[in-house]
Amino acid sequence: MNAPPARPARIHRRDHARAAAFTLAATIMLVPANVLPVFTTIIPGRSRTDTIMSGIVGLCEDGSWAIAAIVFAASILVPMLKIAGIATLLLAARRHPAPARRRALTRLYAVLDFIGRWSMLDVFLVAFLCGAVQFGLLAHIQPHAGSLAFAAAVVLTMLATDAFDPRSLWDDAPQPQKERP
């Protein structure tokens, strides 16, 4: 009995359609996240509804520059840089970068993956504040649609990073030559 002939191995071309879709969706969700109110703070005699940016401006006006800088970095700068980083990876995977650039792009992926673990910090902070302040008698916080849109953008960037396969940066890399005796 003869064995069937061996089929040549097929090279699987990595598809980044999901990563691109998640990145596009995250980019779209950042618009309402930054335009819609995030929460309303109700203190006896005063009520204030803030977007992310108006909250940062309010912190600056109150003299809390350091907190304002942290909120700006975590809520505006990091999500935009993360989307730009994922877009860079997606474009590079299509263009087959030079070997030195591949190493840098792989490091970029590792950084984006690490940042993803901390991206939900803002969302947890709003949820914590809402829960903690509800127990107080002097203040009340109501979350709004901006918080939900921001949470969706963060989750979508995490999914985009997870859907990207960094091995695709090396798919067409030349194999090392074996020395001949």
Protein backbone atom coordinates (compact mmCIF):
# COMPACT_ATOMS: atom_id res chain seq x y z
CA MET A 1 0.00 0.00 0.00
CA ASN A 2 1.35 3.36 -0.98
CA ALA A 3 1.04 6.37 1.28
CA PRO A 4 -0.60 9.41 -0.25
CA PRO A 5 1.89 11.99 -1.49
CA ALA A 6 2.79 14.63 1.04
CA ARG A 7 1.22 17.98 0.40
CA PRO A 8 3.47 21.00 0.48
CA ALA A 9 3.10 23.10 3.62
CA ARG A 10 0.86 26.09 3.18
CA ILE A 11 2.02 29.36 4.60
CA HIS A 12 -0.74 31.05 6.51
CA ARG A 13 -0.92 34.74 5.68
CA ARG A 14 -1.93 36.61 8.79
CA ASP A 15 -5.02 38.72 8.36
CA HIS A 16 -5.35 41.86 10.40
CA ALA A 17 -8.89 42.76 9.38
CA ARG A 18 -10.16 42.33 12.96
CA ALA A 19 -7.35 44.46 14.39
CA ALA A 20 -8.07 47.16 11.80
CA ALA A 21 -11.81 47.03 12.51
CA PHE A 22 -11.26 47.32 16.27
CA THR A 23 -8.86 50.22 15.72
CA LEU A 24 -11.33 52.05 13.49
CA ALA A 25 -14.15 51.46 15.98
CA ALA A 26 -11.96 52.73 18.85
CA THR A 27 -11.12 55.84 16.85
CA ILE A 28 -14.81 56.47 16.20
CA MET A 29 -15.69 55.93 19.90
CA LEU A 30 -13.07 58.48 20.99
CA VAL A 31 -15.17 61.21 19.38
CA PRO A 32 -18.23 60.82 21.66
CA ALA A 33 -15.91 59.98 24.57
CA ASN A 34 -14.35 63.42 24.26
CA VAL A 35 -17.45 65.37 23.24
CA LEU A 36 -20.17 63.93 25.49
CA PRO A 37 -20.35 64.59 29.23
CA VAL A 38 -18.51 62.02 31.33
CA PHE A 39 -20.23 62.71 34.63
CA THR A 40 -22.15 65.27 36.66
CA THR A 41 -20.99 66.21 40.14
CA ILE A 42 -23.78 67.42 42.41
CA ILE A 43 -22.72 69.25 45.54
CA PRO A 44 -25.32 71.13 47.61
CA GLY A 45 -25.75 74.50 45.94
CA ARG A 46 -23.78 73.54 42.85
CA SER A 47 -24.00 71.09 39.96
CA ARG A 48 -21.29 70.61 37.35
CA THR A 49 -21.37 68.43 34.23
CA ASP A 50 -17.99 67.75 32.65
CA THR A 51 -16.53 66.28 29.50
CA ILE A 52 -13.01 64.92 29.76
CA MET A 53 -11.50 68.20 28.58
CA SER A 54 -13.72 70.46 30.69
CA GLY A 55 -12.78 68.32 33.70
CA ILE A 56 -9.10 68.87 32.92
CA VAL A 57 -9.68 72.61 32.57
CA GLY A 58 -11.63 72.63 35.85
CA LEU A 59 -8.76 70.86 37.62
CA CYS A 60 -6.34 73.47 36.24
CA GLU A 61 -8.61 76.31 37.39
CA ASP A 62 -8.70 74.76 40.87
CA GLY A 63 -4.88 74.67 40.90
CA SER A 64 -4.59 70.89 40.56
CA TRP A 65 -2.12 71.01 37.68
CA ALA A 66 -0.51 67.64 38.44
CA ILE A 67 -3.85 65.81 38.53
CA ALA A 68 -4.94 67.63 35.37
CA ALA A 69 -1.76 66.49 33.62
CA ILE A 70 -2.33 62.88 34.71
CA VAL A 71 -5.96 62.94 33.54
CA PHE A 72 -4.91 64.52 30.22
CA ALA A 73 -2.20 61.90 29.69
CA ALA A 74 -4.39 58.94 30.67
CA SER A 75 -7.65 60.07 29.06
CA ILE A 76 -6.59 61.88 25.90
CA LEU A 77 -2.92 61.41 25.07
CA VAL A 78 -2.51 57.66 25.76
CA PRO A 79 -5.65 56.53 23.86
CA MET A 80 -4.67 58.61 20.81
CA LEU A 81 -1.06 57.40 20.91
CA LYS A 82 -2.25 53.82 21.32
CA ILE A 83 -4.47 54.10 18.24
CA ALA A 84 -1.59 55.70 16.31
CA GLY A 85 0.69 52.86 17.45
CA ILE A 86 -1.73 50.15 16.37
CA ALA A 87 -2.23 51.90 13.02
CA THR A 88 1.56 52.04 12.60
CA LEU A 89 1.81 48.30 13.27
CA LEU A 90 -0.99 47.53 10.81
CA LEU A 91 0.63 49.60 8.05
CA ALA A 92 4.07 48.14 8.75
CA ALA A 93 2.75 44.59 8.57
CA ARG A 94 1.52 45.31 5.04
CA ARG A 95 4.76 46.96 3.90
CA HIS A 96 7.25 44.36 5.19
CA PRO A 97 9.67 46.56 7.12
CA ALA A 98 13.47 46.25 7.21
CA PRO A 99 14.90 43.93 9.92
CA ALA A 100 16.04 46.76 12.23
CA ARG A 101 12.61 48.36 12.01
CA ARG A 102 10.97 45.00 12.75
CA ARG A 103 12.67 44.88 16.13
CA ALA A 104 11.49 48.40 16.96
CA LEU A 105 7.95 47.59 15.83
CA THR A 106 7.94 44.42 17.93
CA ARG A 107 8.97 46.54 20.94
CA LEU A 108 6.17 48.98 20.09
CA TYR A 109 3.72 46.08 20.16
CA ALA A 110 5.04 45.00 23.57
CA VAL A 111 4.59 48.54 24.91
CA LEU A 112 1.04 48.76 23.55
CA ASP A 113 0.23 45.39 25.07
CA PHE A 114 1.62 46.52 28.45
CA ILE A 115 -0.27 49.83 28.36
CA GLY A 116 -3.48 47.94 27.60
CA ARG A 117 -3.40 46.45 31.08
CA TRP A 118 -3.56 49.93 32.60
CA SER A 119 -5.95 51.52 30.10
CA MET A 120 -9.07 50.77 32.13
CA LEU A 121 -7.75 52.79 35.09
CA ASP A 122 -9.78 55.87 34.12
CA VAL A 123 -12.95 53.84 33.75
CA PHE A 124 -12.42 52.19 37.13
CA LEU A 125 -11.73 55.59 38.68
CA VAL A 126 -15.05 57.01 37.47
CA ALA A 127 -16.88 53.88 38.66
CA PHE A 128 -15.11 54.06 42.03
CA LEU A 129 -15.91 57.75 42.46
CA CYS A 130 -19.54 57.16 41.59
CA GLY A 131 -19.78 54.35 44.13
CA ALA A 132 -17.78 56.07 46.87
CA VAL A 133 -19.55 59.41 46.60
CA GLN A 134 -22.98 57.76 46.65
CA PHE A 135 -22.32 56.86 50.29
CA GLY A 136 -21.57 60.46 51.20
CA LEU A 137 -24.29 62.85 52.23
CA LEU A 138 -22.66 65.92 50.73
CA ALA A 139 -22.11 64.97 47.11
CA HIS A 140 -23.49 62.85 44.31
CA ILE A 141 -21.92 61.79 40.98
CA GLN A 142 -23.90 60.65 37.95
CA PRO A 143 -22.02 58.95 35.10
CA HIS A 144 -23.02 59.90 31.56
CA ALA A 145 -22.66 58.54 28.02
CA GLY A 146 -19.12 59.91 27.67
CA SER A 147 -17.94 57.42 30.30
CA LEU A 148 -19.49 54.54 28.39
CA ALA A 149 -18.00 55.74 25.09
CA PHE A 150 -14.58 56.09 26.71
CA ALA A 151 -14.82 52.60 28.21
CA ALA A 152 -15.80 51.24 24.79
CA ALA A 153 -12.82 52.99 23.14
CA VAL A 154 -10.45 51.55 25.74
CA VAL A 155 -11.83 48.02 25.36
CA LEU A 156 -11.68 48.31 21.56
CA THR A 157 -8.01 49.36 21.65
CA MET A 158 -7.28 46.40 23.91
CA LEU A 159 -9.06 44.08 21.46
CA ALA A 160 -7.19 45.65 18.53
CA THR A 161 -3.84 45.04 20.22
CA ASP A 162 -4.85 41.48 21.02
CA ALA A 163 -6.05 40.84 17.45
CA PHE A 164 -2.76 42.01 15.95
CA ASP A 165 -0.22 39.24 15.48
CA PRO A 166 3.30 40.71 15.83
CA ARG A 167 4.74 37.67 14.04
CA SER A 168 3.36 39.18 10.83
CA LEU A 169 6.11 41.79 11.04
CA TRP A 170 8.59 38.93 10.50
CA ASP A 171 6.67 36.81 7.98
CA ASP A 172 8.86 37.58 5.00
CA ALA A 173 12.08 37.96 6.96
CA PRO A 174 15.00 36.22 5.30
CA GLN A 175 15.97 32.99 7.00
CA PRO A 176 19.54 32.73 8.31
CA GLN A 177 21.83 30.88 5.95
CA LYS A 178 23.35 27.65 7.20
CA GLU A 179 27.09 27.38 6.83
CA ARG A 180 28.28 24.69 4.50
CA PRO A 181 31.06 22.41 5.70
